[in-house]
Amino acid sequence: MLDIISMITLIIVFSSFATFMMLIIIGGNMDKSKEEQRLEDEEQMEYLRQYREKKLNKKRKFGGK
């Protein structure tokens, strides 16, 4: 009898955890304001510029094209 109660408790705990995680994922994907989108786009462009510069500097350092 104790095994059945333990299994039911475990299923309830895991189901609660799964539901909570789904709510977090859904909440993270909600629409962003125009300002948030603009700031995120600027951050991504700056990262890509820095990545490209590092890549070019690395090629120059080792004599690549």
PDB file of N, CA and C in Angstrom:
ATOM      1  N   MET A   1       0.814  -1.201   0.000  1.00  0.00           N
ATOM      2  CA  MET A   1       0.000   0.000   0.000  1.00  0.00           C
ATOM      3  C   MET A   1       0.855   1.260   0.000  1.00  0.00           C
ATOM      4  N   LEU A   2       1.955   1.192   0.731  1.00  0.00           N
ATOM      5  CA  LEU A   2       2.856   2.338   0.799  1.00  0.00           C
ATOM      6  C   LEU A   2       3.475   2.634  -0.569  1.00  0.00           C
ATOM      7  N   ASP A   3       3.736   1.596  -1.361  1.00  0.00           N
ATOM      8  CA  ASP A   3       4.300   1.778  -2.695  1.00  0.00           C
ATOM      9  C   ASP A   3       3.341   2.551  -3.598  1.00  0.00           C
ATOM     10  N   ILE A   4       2.066   2.258  -3.507  1.00  0.00           N
ATOM     11  CA  ILE A   4       1.075   2.947  -4.339  1.00  0.00           C
ATOM     12  C   ILE A   4       0.988   4.415  -3.953  1.00  0.00           C
ATOM     13  N   ILE A   5       0.994   4.691  -2.663  1.00  0.00           N
ATOM     14  CA  ILE A   5       0.937   6.085  -2.195  1.00  0.00           C
ATOM     15  C   ILE A   5       2.190   6.832  -2.638  1.00  0.00           C
ATOM     16  N   SER A   6       3.336   6.190  -2.539  1.00  0.00           N
ATOM     17  CA  SER A   6       4.591   6.818  -2.972  1.00  0.00           C
ATOM     18  C   SER A   6       4.575   7.105  -4.467  1.00  0.00           C
ATOM     19  N   MET A   7       4.079   6.173  -5.251  1.00  0.00           N
ATOM     20  CA  MET A   7       4.026   6.368  -6.707  1.00  0.00           C
ATOM     21  C   MET A   7       3.074   7.514  -7.063  1.00  0.00           C
ATOM     22  N   ILE A   8       1.915   7.545  -6.411  1.00  0.00           N
ATOM     23  CA  ILE A   8       0.947   8.608  -6.688  1.00  0.00           C
ATOM     24  C   ILE A   8       1.533   9.956  -6.296  1.00  0.00           C
ATOM     25  N   THR A   9       2.196  10.029  -5.164  1.00  0.00           N
ATOM     26  CA  THR A   9       2.836  11.266  -4.724  1.00  0.00           C
ATOM     27  C   THR A   9       3.911  11.697  -5.714  1.00  0.00           C
ATOM     28  N   LEU A  10       4.701  10.755  -6.167  1.00  0.00           N
ATOM     29  CA  LEU A  10       5.759  11.054  -7.137  1.00  0.00           C
ATOM     30  C   LEU A  10       5.169  11.569  -8.450  1.00  0.00           C
ATOM     31  N   ILE A  11       4.102  10.954  -8.909  1.00  0.00           N
ATOM     32  CA  ILE A  11       3.454  11.396 -10.148  1.00  0.00           C
ATOM     33  C   ILE A  11       2.905  12.813  -9.986  1.00  0.00           C
ATOM     34  N   ILE A  12       2.310  13.106  -8.839  1.00  0.00           N
ATOM     35  CA  ILE A  12       1.774  14.456  -8.594  1.00  0.00           C
ATOM     36  C   ILE A  12       2.898  15.483  -8.567  1.00  0.00           C
ATOM     37  N   VAL A  13       4.008  15.151  -7.916  1.00  0.00           N
ATOM     38  CA  VAL A  13       5.143  16.087  -7.841  1.00  0.00           C
ATOM     39  C   VAL A  13       5.718  16.342  -9.235  1.00  0.00           C
ATOM     40  N   PHE A  14       5.935  15.294 -10.019  1.00  0.00           N
ATOM     41  CA  PHE A  14       6.491  15.467 -11.361  1.00  0.00           C
ATOM     42  C   PHE A  14       5.529  16.215 -12.276  1.00  0.00           C
ATOM     43  N   SER A  15       4.241  15.942 -12.146  1.00  0.00           N
ATOM     44  CA  SER A  15       3.255  16.657 -12.961  1.00  0.00           C
ATOM     45  C   SER A  15       3.232  18.138 -12.618  1.00  0.00           C
ATOM     46  N   SER A  16       3.330  18.454 -11.341  1.00  0.00           N
ATOM     47  CA  SER A  16       3.373  19.855 -10.916  1.00  0.00           C
ATOM     48  C   SER A  16       4.609  20.553 -11.470  1.00  0.00           C
ATOM     49  N   PHE A  17       5.737  19.859 -11.390  1.00  0.00           N
ATOM     50  CA  PHE A  17       6.986  20.425 -11.910  1.00  0.00           C
ATOM     51  C   PHE A  17       6.894  20.664 -13.414  1.00  0.00           C
ATOM     52  N   ALA A  18       6.346  19.698 -14.138  1.00  0.00           N
ATOM     53  CA  ALA A  18       6.217  19.835 -15.594  1.00  0.00           C
ATOM     54  C   ALA A  18       5.299  21.000 -15.944  1.00  0.00           C
ATOM     55  N   THR A  19       4.199  21.139 -15.232  1.00  0.00           N
ATOM     56  CA  THR A  19       3.272  22.244 -15.490  1.00  0.00           C
ATOM     57  C   THR A  19       3.948  23.574 -15.218  1.00  0.00           C
ATOM     58  N   PHE A  20       4.679  23.666 -14.125  1.00  0.00           N
ATOM     59  CA  PHE A  20       5.396  24.893 -13.784  1.00  0.00           C
ATOM     60  C   PHE A  20       6.415  25.256 -14.868  1.00  0.00           C
ATOM     61  N   MET A  21       7.157  24.275 -15.359  1.00  0.00           N
ATOM     62  CA  MET A  21       8.151  24.534 -16.406  1.00  0.00           C
ATOM     63  C   MET A  21       7.489  24.982 -17.709  1.00  0.00           C
ATOM     64  N   MET A  22       6.355  24.390 -18.044  1.00  0.00           N
ATOM     65  CA  MET A  22       5.635  24.808 -19.253  1.00  0.00           C
ATOM     66  C   MET A  22       5.188  26.257 -19.135  1.00  0.00           C
ATOM     67  N   LEU A  23       4.712  26.656 -17.960  1.00  0.00           N
ATOM     68  CA  LEU A  23       4.293  28.046 -17.757  1.00  0.00           C
ATOM     69  C   LEU A  23       5.463  29.008 -17.886  1.00  0.00           C
ATOM     70  N   ILE A  24       6.624  28.601 -17.400  1.00  0.00           N
ATOM     71  CA  ILE A  24       7.820  29.444 -17.536  1.00  0.00           C
ATOM     72  C   ILE A  24       8.199  29.599 -19.006  1.00  0.00           C
ATOM     73  N   ILE A  25       8.176  28.504 -19.756  1.00  0.00           N
ATOM     74  CA  ILE A  25       8.534  28.557 -21.176  1.00  0.00           C
ATOM     75  C   ILE A  25       7.544  29.417 -21.949  1.00  0.00           C
ATOM     76  N   ILE A  26       6.267  29.237 -21.691  1.00  0.00           N
ATOM     77  CA  ILE A  26       5.245  30.044 -22.383  1.00  0.00           C
ATOM     78  C   ILE A  26       5.401  31.515 -22.028  1.00  0.00           C
ATOM     79  N   GLY A  27       5.647  31.809 -20.766  1.00  0.00           N
ATOM     80  CA  GLY A  27       5.826  33.197 -20.333  1.00  0.00           C
ATOM     81  C   GLY A  27       7.047  33.841 -20.963  1.00  0.00           C
ATOM     82  N   GLY A  28       8.096  33.072 -21.176  1.00  0.00           N
ATOM     83  CA  GLY A  28       9.312  33.602 -21.788  1.00  0.00           C
ATOM     84  C   GLY A  28       9.152  33.897 -23.265  1.00  0.00           C
ATOM     85  N   ASN A  29       8.155  33.297 -23.901  1.00  0.00           N
ATOM     86  CA  ASN A  29       7.942  33.494 -25.328  1.00  0.00           C
ATOM     87  C   ASN A  29       6.862  34.521 -25.642  1.00  0.00           C
ATOM     88  N   MET A  30       6.381  35.193 -24.625  1.00  0.00           N
ATOM     89  CA  MET A  30       5.324  36.180 -24.867  1.00  0.00           C
ATOM     90  C   MET A  30       5.886  37.350 -25.681  1.00  0.00           C
ATOM     91  N   ASP A  31       4.994  38.067 -26.334  1.00  0.00           N
ATOM     92  CA  ASP A  31       5.410  39.180 -27.182  1.00  0.00           C
ATOM     93  C   ASP A  31       6.166  40.236 -26.385  1.00  0.00           C
ATOM     94  N   LYS A  32       7.159  40.797 -27.031  1.00  0.00           N
ATOM     95  CA  LYS A  32       7.956  41.850 -26.417  1.00  0.00           C
ATOM     96  C   LYS A  32       7.549  43.184 -27.014  1.00  0.00           C
ATOM     97  N   SER A  33       7.811  44.240 -26.268  1.00  0.00           N
ATOM     98  CA  SER A  33       7.490  45.566 -26.782  1.00  0.00           C
ATOM     99  C   SER A  33       8.490  45.929 -27.886  1.00  0.00           C
ATOM    100  N   LYS A  34       8.148  46.938 -28.643  1.00  0.00           N
ATOM    101  CA  LYS A  34       9.034  47.390 -29.734  1.00  0.00           C
ATOM    102  C   LYS A  34      10.399  47.796 -29.193  1.00  0.00           C
ATOM    103  N   GLU A  35      10.415  48.452 -28.035  1.00  0.00           N
ATOM    104  CA  GLU A  35      11.677  48.893 -27.441  1.00  0.00           C
ATOM    105  C   GLU A  35      12.548  47.689 -27.058  1.00  0.00           C
ATOM    106  N   GLU A  36      11.945  46.667 -26.474  1.00  0.00           N
ATOM    107  CA  GLU A  36      12.699  45.466 -26.112  1.00  0.00           C
ATOM    108  C   GLU A  36      13.245  44.770 -27.349  1.00  0.00           C
ATOM    109  N   GLN A  37      12.449  44.701 -28.403  1.00  0.00           N
ATOM    110  CA  GLN A  37      12.907  44.078 -29.646  1.00  0.00           C
ATOM    111  C   GLN A  37      14.068  44.859 -30.245  1.00  0.00           C
ATOM    112  N   ARG A  38      13.976  46.188 -30.215  1.00  0.00           N
ATOM    113  CA  ARG A  38      15.037  47.031 -30.769  1.00  0.00           C
ATOM    114  C   ARG A  38      16.334  46.841 -29.985  1.00  0.00           C
ATOM    115  N   LEU A  39      16.238  46.833 -28.651  1.00  0.00           N
ATOM    116  CA  LEU A  39      17.433  46.642 -27.830  1.00  0.00           C
ATOM    117  C   LEU A  39      18.056  45.268 -28.056  1.00  0.00           C
ATOM    118  N   GLU A  40      17.221  44.258 -28.172  1.00  0.00           N
ATOM    119  CA  GLU A  40      17.728  42.910 -28.420  1.00  0.00           C
ATOM    120  C   GLU A  40      18.417  42.823 -29.779  1.00  0.00           C
ATOM    121  N   ASP A  41      17.823  43.456 -30.793  1.00  0.00           N
ATOM    122  CA  ASP A  41      18.427  43.467 -32.129  1.00  0.00           C
ATOM    123  C   ASP A  41      19.782  44.177 -32.110  1.00  0.00           C
ATOM    124  N   GLU A  42      19.869  45.296 -31.380  1.00  0.00           N
ATOM    125  CA  GLU A  42      21.142  46.027 -31.291  1.00  0.00           C
ATOM    126  C   GLU A  42      22.213  45.176 -30.615  1.00  0.00           C
ATOM    127  N   GLU A  43      21.828  44.477 -29.556  1.00  0.00           N
ATOM    128  CA  GLU A  43      22.786  43.617 -28.863  1.00  0.00           C
ATOM    129  C   GLU A  43      23.280  42.500 -29.781  1.00  0.00           C
ATOM    130  N   GLN A  44      22.376  41.915 -30.549  1.00  0.00           N
ATOM    131  CA  GLN A  44      22.765  40.850 -31.467  1.00  0.00           C
ATOM    132  C   GLN A  44      23.689  41.379 -32.558  1.00  0.00           C
ATOM    133  N   MET A  45      23.393  42.559 -33.097  1.00  0.00           N
ATOM    134  CA  MET A  45      24.260  43.132 -34.141  1.00  0.00           C
ATOM    135  C   MET A  45      25.641  43.434 -33.583  1.00  0.00           C
ATOM    136  N   GLU A  46      25.721  43.954 -32.361  1.00  0.00           N
ATOM    137  CA  GLU A  46      27.011  44.260 -31.754  1.00  0.00           C
ATOM    138  C   GLU A  46      27.810  42.972 -31.534  1.00  0.00           C
ATOM    139  N   TYR A  47      27.144  41.923 -31.080  1.00  0.00           N
ATOM    140  CA  TYR A  47      27.823  40.638 -30.887  1.00  0.00           C
ATOM    141  C   TYR A  47      28.372  40.117 -32.213  1.00  0.00           C
ATOM    142  N   LEU A  48      27.560  40.206 -33.278  1.00  0.00           N
ATOM    143  CA  LEU A  48      28.013  39.713 -34.583  1.00  0.00           C
ATOM    144  C   LEU A  48      29.183  40.528 -35.112  1.00  0.00           C
ATOM    145  N   ARG A  49      29.185  41.842 -34.884  1.00  0.00           N
ATOM    146  CA  ARG A  49      30.322  42.681 -35.298  1.00  0.00           C
ATOM    147  C   ARG A  49      31.592  42.242 -34.573  1.00  0.00           C
ATOM    148  N   GLN A  50      31.491  42.061 -33.270  1.00  0.00           N
ATOM    149  CA  GLN A  50      32.653  41.655 -32.488  1.00  0.00           C
ATOM    150  C   GLN A  50      33.141  40.272 -32.912  1.00  0.00           C
ATOM    151  N   TYR A  51      32.219  39.372 -33.181  1.00  0.00           N
ATOM    152  CA  TYR A  51      32.590  38.023 -33.610  1.00  0.00           C
ATOM    153  C   TYR A  51      33.328  38.076 -34.947  1.00  0.00           C
ATOM    154  N   ARG A  52      32.810  38.877 -35.879  1.00  0.00           N
ATOM    155  CA  ARG A  52      33.446  39.000 -37.191  1.00  0.00           C
ATOM    156  C   ARG A  52      34.843  39.606 -37.066  1.00  0.00           C
ATOM    157  N   GLU A  53      34.988  40.632 -36.194  1.00  0.00           N
ATOM    158  CA  GLU A  53      36.297  41.251 -35.995  1.00  0.00           C
ATOM    159  C   GLU A  53      37.295  40.257 -35.408  1.00  0.00           C
ATOM    160  N   LYS A  54      36.845  39.470 -34.437  1.00  0.00           N
ATOM    161  CA  LYS A  54      37.734  38.466 -33.849  1.00  0.00           C
ATOM    162  C   LYS A  54      38.164  37.449 -34.895  1.00  0.00           C
ATOM    163  N   LYS A  55      37.222  37.041 -35.736  1.00  0.00           N
ATOM    164  CA  LYS A  55      37.512  36.059 -36.768  1.00  0.00           C
ATOM    165  C   LYS A  55      38.521  36.623 -37.772  1.00  0.00           C
ATOM    166  N   LEU A  56      38.326  37.882 -38.185  1.00  0.00           N
ATOM    167  CA  LEU A  56      39.254  38.498 -39.128  1.00  0.00           C
ATOM    168  C   LEU A  56      40.632  38.680 -38.507  1.00  0.00           C
ATOM    169  N   ASN A  57      40.684  39.106 -37.250  1.00  0.00           N
ATOM    170  CA  ASN A  57      41.969  39.280 -36.571  1.00  0.00           C
ATOM    171  C   ASN A  57      42.704  37.955 -36.439  1.00  0.00           C
ATOM    172  N   LYS A  58      41.969  36.905 -36.197  1.00  0.00           N
ATOM    173  CA  LYS A  58      42.583  35.589 -36.071  1.00  0.00           C
ATOM    174  C   LYS A  58      43.182  35.148 -37.404  1.00  0.00           C
ATOM    175  N   LYS A  59      42.455  35.411 -38.507  1.00  0.00           N
ATOM    176  CA  LYS A  59      42.959  35.045 -39.825  1.00  0.00           C
ATOM    177  C   LYS A  59      44.207  35.851 -40.151  1.00  0.00           C
ATOM    178  N   ARG A  60      44.191  37.159 -39.834  1.00  0.00           N
ATOM    179  CA  ARG A  60      45.351  38.000 -40.116  1.00  0.00           C
ATOM    180  C   ARG A  60      46.558  37.556 -39.297  1.00  0.00           C
ATOM    181  N   LYS A  61      46.296  37.172 -38.067  1.00  0.00           N
ATOM    182  CA  LYS A  61      47.388  36.760 -37.178  1.00  0.00           C
ATOM    183  C   LYS A  61      48.100  35.525 -37.703  1.00  0.00           C
ATOM    184  N   PHE A  62      47.333  34.608 -38.285  1.00  0.00           N
ATOM    185  CA  PHE A  62      47.927  33.369 -38.783  1.00  0.00           C
ATOM    186  C   PHE A  62      48.195  33.406 -40.278  1.00  0.00           C
ATOM    187  N   GLY A  63      48.029  34.555 -40.911  1.00  0.00           N
ATOM    188  CA  GLY A  63      48.384  34.698 -42.306  1.00  0.00           C
ATOM    189  C   GLY A  63      47.380  34.126 -43.276  1.00  0.00           C
ATOM    190  N   GLY A  64      46.165  33.974 -42.865  1.00  0.00           N
ATOM    191  CA  GLY A  64      45.129  33.449 -43.751  1.00  0.00           C
ATOM    192  C   GLY A  64      44.580  34.533 -44.651  1.00  0.00           C
ATOM    193  N   LYS A  65      43.640  34.140 -45.496  1.00  0.00           N
ATOM    194  CA  LYS A  65      43.049  35.092 -46.428  1.00  0.00           C
ATOM    195  C   LYS A  65      42.037  35.958 -45.749  1.00  0.00           C
TER     196      LYS A  65
END
